[in-house]
């Protein structure tokens, strides 16, 4: 369904940016018998319900006019929340110094899950500082091994 998300992203991005917001993510997923088109938006200080409704209305109109999706679906425009996904280079760059959760599809240093402070990022590699009991370790993770990356809430 990548083609669907790319088409929707191309429609949504100018609408979201025109309203002074950022398009964070577009997902088209099936849950049970239903399809959901999830569009995450954000802005400095966070988005509110009014922002989501405004984007939902404009995007609905654009989707109706361009009709990039064959299946019936539910449109959900929302904030990415506190555990915002990290997908683009800019997302990782903004997250430097923040607490993150990283999951890899292949083990790195005998682990596939990491939680800690993102210290550095390049398109090929990121460096994260994790706590193992009382020690802090710096771990480099190749970007091509990452299956999931997001901000993480510390408790």
C-alpha atoms as a PDB file:
ATOM      1  CA  UNK A   1       0.000   0.000   0.000  1.00  0.00           C
ATOM      2  CA  UNK A   2       3.011   2.287  -0.256  1.00  0.00           C
ATOM      3  CA  UNK A   3       1.583   3.748  -3.441  1.00  0.00           C
ATOM      4  CA  UNK A   4      -1.547   4.855  -1.552  1.00  0.00           C
ATOM      5  CA  UNK A   5       0.467   6.508   1.217  1.00  0.00           C
ATOM      6  CA  UNK A   6       2.691   8.283  -1.319  1.00  0.00           C
ATOM      7  CA  UNK A   7      -0.358   9.627  -3.204  1.00  0.00           C
ATOM      8  CA  UNK A   8      -2.040  10.754   0.010  1.00  0.00           C
ATOM      9  CA  UNK A   9       1.184  12.349   1.258  1.00  0.00           C
ATOM     10  CA  UNK A  10       1.455  14.317  -1.996  1.00  0.00           C
ATOM     11  CA  UNK A  11      -2.109  15.592  -1.481  1.00  0.00           C
ATOM     12  CA  UNK A  12      -1.811  16.217   2.258  1.00  0.00           C
ATOM     13  CA  UNK A  13       1.587  17.899   2.493  1.00  0.00           C
ATOM     14  CA  UNK A  14       0.659  21.188   0.744  1.00  0.00           C
ATOM     15  CA  UNK A  15      -2.597  21.416   2.723  1.00  0.00           C
ATOM     16  CA  UNK A  16      -0.853  20.844   6.061  1.00  0.00           C
ATOM     17  CA  UNK A  17       2.028  23.211   5.265  1.00  0.00           C
ATOM     18  CA  UNK A  18      -0.354  25.939   4.052  1.00  0.00           C
ATOM     19  CA  UNK A  19      -1.926  25.828   7.536  1.00  0.00           C
ATOM     20  CA  UNK A  20       1.507  26.233   9.191  1.00  0.00           C
ATOM     21  CA  UNK A  21       1.774  22.630  10.315  1.00  0.00           C
ATOM     22  CA  UNK A  22       4.005  19.649   9.574  1.00  0.00           C
ATOM     23  CA  UNK A  23       2.932  16.361   8.023  1.00  0.00           C
ATOM     24  CA  UNK A  24       4.459  13.753  10.329  1.00  0.00           C
ATOM     25  CA  UNK A  25       3.180  10.475   8.927  1.00  0.00           C
ATOM     26  CA  UNK A  26       0.633   8.815   6.630  1.00  0.00           C
ATOM     27  CA  UNK A  27      -0.475   5.233   7.213  1.00  0.00           C
ATOM     28  CA  UNK A  28      -3.035   3.142   5.344  1.00  0.00           C
ATOM     29  CA  UNK A  29      -3.766   0.047   7.421  1.00  0.00           C
ATOM     30  CA  UNK A  30      -6.397  -2.653   7.671  1.00  0.00           C
ATOM     31  CA  UNK A  31      -7.746  -3.427  11.124  1.00  0.00           C
ATOM     32  CA  UNK A  32     -10.268  -6.230  11.161  1.00  0.00           C
ATOM     33  CA  UNK A  33     -12.582  -5.670   8.205  1.00  0.00           C
ATOM     34  CA  UNK A  34     -11.960  -1.904   8.018  1.00  0.00           C
ATOM     35  CA  UNK A  35      -9.311   0.247   6.325  1.00  0.00           C
ATOM     36  CA  UNK A  36      -7.959   3.332   8.120  1.00  0.00           C
ATOM     37  CA  UNK A  37      -6.120   6.250   6.558  1.00  0.00           C
ATOM     38  CA  UNK A  38      -4.207   7.836   9.442  1.00  0.00           C
ATOM     39  CA  UNK A  39      -2.611  11.215   8.934  1.00  0.00           C
ATOM     40  CA  UNK A  40      -0.440  12.618  11.736  1.00  0.00           C
ATOM     41  CA  UNK A  41       0.147  16.361  11.914  1.00  0.00           C
ATOM     42  CA  UNK A  42       2.071  18.574  14.306  1.00  0.00           C
ATOM     43  CA  UNK A  43       3.134  22.160  14.879  1.00  0.00           C
ATOM     44  CA  UNK A  44       5.161  24.114  17.390  1.00  0.00           C
ATOM     45  CA  UNK A  45       3.284  23.879  20.684  1.00  0.00           C
ATOM     46  CA  UNK A  46       1.228  20.906  19.466  1.00  0.00           C
ATOM     47  CA  UNK A  47      -2.013  20.553  17.549  1.00  0.00           C
ATOM     48  CA  UNK A  48      -5.509  20.751  18.961  1.00  0.00           C
ATOM     49  CA  UNK A  49      -8.881  19.386  17.870  1.00  0.00           C
ATOM     50  CA  UNK A  50      -9.589  22.485  15.782  1.00  0.00           C
ATOM     51  CA  UNK A  51      -6.357  21.942  13.801  1.00  0.00           C
ATOM     52  CA  UNK A  52      -7.248  18.291  13.173  1.00  0.00           C
ATOM     53  CA  UNK A  53     -10.779  19.174  12.023  1.00  0.00           C
ATOM     54  CA  UNK A  54      -9.442  21.885   9.685  1.00  0.00           C
ATOM     55  CA  UNK A  55      -6.983  19.491   8.017  1.00  0.00           C
ATOM     56  CA  UNK A  56      -9.544  16.662   7.966  1.00  0.00           C
ATOM     57  CA  UNK A  57     -12.064  18.802   6.071  1.00  0.00           C
ATOM     58  CA  UNK A  58      -9.551  20.052   3.500  1.00  0.00           C
ATOM     59  CA  UNK A  59      -7.941  16.651   3.016  1.00  0.00           C
ATOM     60  CA  UNK A  60     -11.346  14.944   2.667  1.00  0.00           C
ATOM     61  CA  UNK A  61     -12.192  17.339  -0.143  1.00  0.00           C
ATOM     62  CA  UNK A  62      -8.841  16.714  -1.884  1.00  0.00           C
ATOM     63  CA  UNK A  63      -9.250  12.944  -1.498  1.00  0.00           C
ATOM     64  CA  UNK A  64     -12.776  13.075  -2.930  1.00  0.00           C
ATOM     65  CA  UNK A  65     -11.564  15.138  -5.913  1.00  0.00           C
ATOM     66  CA  UNK A  66      -8.528  12.933  -6.650  1.00  0.00           C
ATOM     67  CA  UNK A  67      -9.843   9.550  -5.436  1.00  0.00           C
ATOM     68  CA  UNK A  68      -6.477   7.757  -4.867  1.00  0.00           C
ATOM     69  CA  UNK A  69      -8.005   4.933  -2.756  1.00  0.00           C
ATOM     70  CA  UNK A  70     -10.212   2.177  -4.148  1.00  0.00           C
ATOM     71  CA  UNK A  71     -11.389   0.661  -0.843  1.00  0.00           C
ATOM     72  CA  UNK A  72     -13.829   2.286   1.590  1.00  0.00           C
ATOM     73  CA  UNK A  73     -11.848   3.679   4.538  1.00  0.00           C
ATOM     74  CA  UNK A  74     -12.011   5.877   7.626  1.00  0.00           C
ATOM     75  CA  UNK A  75      -9.933   9.074   7.650  1.00  0.00           C
ATOM     76  CA  UNK A  76      -8.253   9.868  10.960  1.00  0.00           C
ATOM     77  CA  UNK A  77      -6.277  13.120  11.310  1.00  0.00           C
ATOM     78  CA  UNK A  78      -4.529  13.412  14.670  1.00  0.00           C
ATOM     79  CA  UNK A  79      -1.468  14.493  16.597  1.00  0.00           C
ATOM     80  CA  UNK A  80       1.410  11.991  16.598  1.00  0.00           C
ATOM     81  CA  UNK A  81       1.311  12.143  20.395  1.00  0.00           C
ATOM     82  CA  UNK A  82       4.156  12.121  22.883  1.00  0.00           C
ATOM     83  CA  UNK A  83       5.716   9.053  21.285  1.00  0.00           C
ATOM     84  CA  UNK A  84       6.018  10.595  17.853  1.00  0.00           C
ATOM     85  CA  UNK A  85       7.492   8.303  15.175  1.00  0.00           C
ATOM     86  CA  UNK A  86      10.917   9.109  13.760  1.00  0.00           C
ATOM     87  CA  UNK A  87      10.971   8.350  10.042  1.00  0.00           C
ATOM     88  CA  UNK A  88      12.621  11.180   8.127  1.00  0.00           C
ATOM     89  CA  UNK A  89      16.132  12.597   8.505  1.00  0.00           C
ATOM     90  CA  UNK A  90      14.623  15.788   9.939  1.00  0.00           C
ATOM     91  CA  UNK A  91      12.737  13.782  12.594  1.00  0.00           C
ATOM     92  CA  UNK A  92      15.959  12.178  13.823  1.00  0.00           C
ATOM     93  CA  UNK A  93      17.856  15.492  13.716  1.00  0.00           C
ATOM     94  CA  UNK A  94      15.161  17.197  15.835  1.00  0.00           C
ATOM     95  CA  UNK A  95      15.274  14.286  18.288  1.00  0.00           C
ATOM     96  CA  UNK A  96      18.980  14.614  19.097  1.00  0.00           C
ATOM     97  CA  UNK A  97      19.266  15.018  22.861  1.00  0.00           C
ATOM     98  CA  UNK A  98      15.821  13.481  23.451  1.00  0.00           C
ATOM     99  CA  UNK A  99      14.775  10.135  24.889  1.00  0.00           C
ATOM    100  CA  UNK A 100      14.024   7.631  22.105  1.00  0.00           C
ATOM    101  CA  UNK A 101      13.007   4.017  21.577  1.00  0.00           C
ATOM    102  CA  UNK A 102      14.651   2.099  18.725  1.00  0.00           C
ATOM    103  CA  UNK A 103      13.806  -1.412  17.525  1.00  0.00           C
ATOM    104  CA  UNK A 104      15.973  -3.212  14.979  1.00  0.00           C
ATOM    105  CA  UNK A 105      15.151  -6.136  12.712  1.00  0.00           C
ATOM    106  CA  UNK A 106      18.619  -7.646  13.292  1.00  0.00           C
ATOM    107  CA  UNK A 107      20.493  -7.718  16.610  1.00  0.00           C
ATOM    108  CA  UNK A 108      22.966  -4.956  17.406  1.00  0.00           C
ATOM    109  CA  UNK A 109      25.237  -5.701  20.379  1.00  0.00           C
ATOM    110  CA  UNK A 110      23.038  -8.779  21.057  1.00  0.00           C
ATOM    111  CA  UNK A 111      19.830  -6.735  21.404  1.00  0.00           C
ATOM    112  CA  UNK A 112      16.978  -5.591  19.163  1.00  0.00           C
ATOM    113  CA  UNK A 113      15.401  -2.979  21.457  1.00  0.00           C
ATOM    114  CA  UNK A 114      17.085   0.148  22.768  1.00  0.00           C
ATOM    115  CA  UNK A 115      15.833   3.036  24.865  1.00  0.00           C
ATOM    116  CA  UNK A 116      17.956   6.032  25.738  1.00  0.00           C
ATOM    117  CA  UNK A 117      19.181   9.439  24.632  1.00  0.00           C
ATOM    118  CA  UNK A 118      19.818  10.024  20.940  1.00  0.00           C
ATOM    119  CA  UNK A 119      23.313  11.519  20.786  1.00  0.00           C
ATOM    120  CA  UNK A 120      23.986  11.760  17.049  1.00  0.00           C
ATOM    121  CA  UNK A 121      22.438  10.969  13.686  1.00  0.00           C
ATOM    122  CA  UNK A 122      23.584  10.594  10.095  1.00  0.00           C
ATOM    123  CA  UNK A 123      21.574   8.953   7.296  1.00  0.00           C
ATOM    124  CA  UNK A 124      23.727   5.830   7.788  1.00  0.00           C
ATOM    125  CA  UNK A 125      24.163   5.605  11.570  1.00  0.00           C
ATOM    126  CA  UNK A 126      22.766   6.859  14.844  1.00  0.00           C
ATOM    127  CA  UNK A 127      24.338   6.878  18.271  1.00  0.00           C
ATOM    128  CA  UNK A 128      22.262   6.303  21.382  1.00  0.00           C
ATOM    129  CA  UNK A 129      23.257   6.360  25.026  1.00  0.00           C
ATOM    130  CA  UNK A 130      21.549   3.601  27.005  1.00  0.00           C
ATOM    131  CA  UNK A 131      21.627   2.781  30.678  1.00  0.00           C
ATOM    132  CA  UNK A 132      22.502  -0.772  31.655  1.00  0.00           C
ATOM    133  CA  UNK A 133      22.021  -1.049  35.415  1.00  0.00           C
ATOM    134  CA  UNK A 134      24.364   1.658  36.751  1.00  0.00           C
ATOM    135  CA  UNK A 135      26.452   2.122  33.594  1.00  0.00           C
ATOM    136  CA  UNK A 136      25.844   4.309  30.563  1.00  0.00           C
ATOM    137  CA  UNK A 137      26.843   2.818  27.215  1.00  0.00           C
ATOM    138  CA  UNK A 138      27.048   4.460  23.800  1.00  0.00           C
ATOM    139  CA  UNK A 139      25.772   2.240  20.997  1.00  0.00           C
ATOM    140  CA  UNK A 140      25.950   2.872  17.272  1.00  0.00           C
ATOM    141  CA  UNK A 141      23.024   1.503  15.279  1.00  0.00           C
ATOM    142  CA  UNK A 142      23.058   1.325  11.473  1.00  0.00           C
ATOM    143  CA  UNK A 143      19.974   3.117  10.156  1.00  0.00           C
ATOM    144  CA  UNK A 144      19.251   0.316   7.680  1.00  0.00           C
ATOM    145  CA  UNK A 145      18.731  -2.078  10.618  1.00  0.00           C
ATOM    146  CA  UNK A 146      16.007   0.058  12.225  1.00  0.00           C
ATOM    147  CA  UNK A 147      12.472  -1.296  11.979  1.00  0.00           C
ATOM    148  CA  UNK A 148      10.882   1.218  14.384  1.00  0.00           C
ATOM    149  CA  UNK A 149      12.023   4.505  15.886  1.00  0.00           C
ATOM    150  CA  UNK A 150      10.024   6.925  18.027  1.00  0.00           C
ATOM    151  CA  UNK A 151      10.307   9.408  20.838  1.00  0.00           C
ATOM    152  CA  UNK A 152       9.877   7.728  24.207  1.00  0.00           C
ATOM    153  CA  UNK A 153       8.327   9.005  27.410  1.00  0.00           C
ATOM    154  CA  UNK A 154      10.559   8.603  30.485  1.00  0.00           C
ATOM    155  CA  UNK A 155       8.920   7.651  33.760  1.00  0.00           C
END
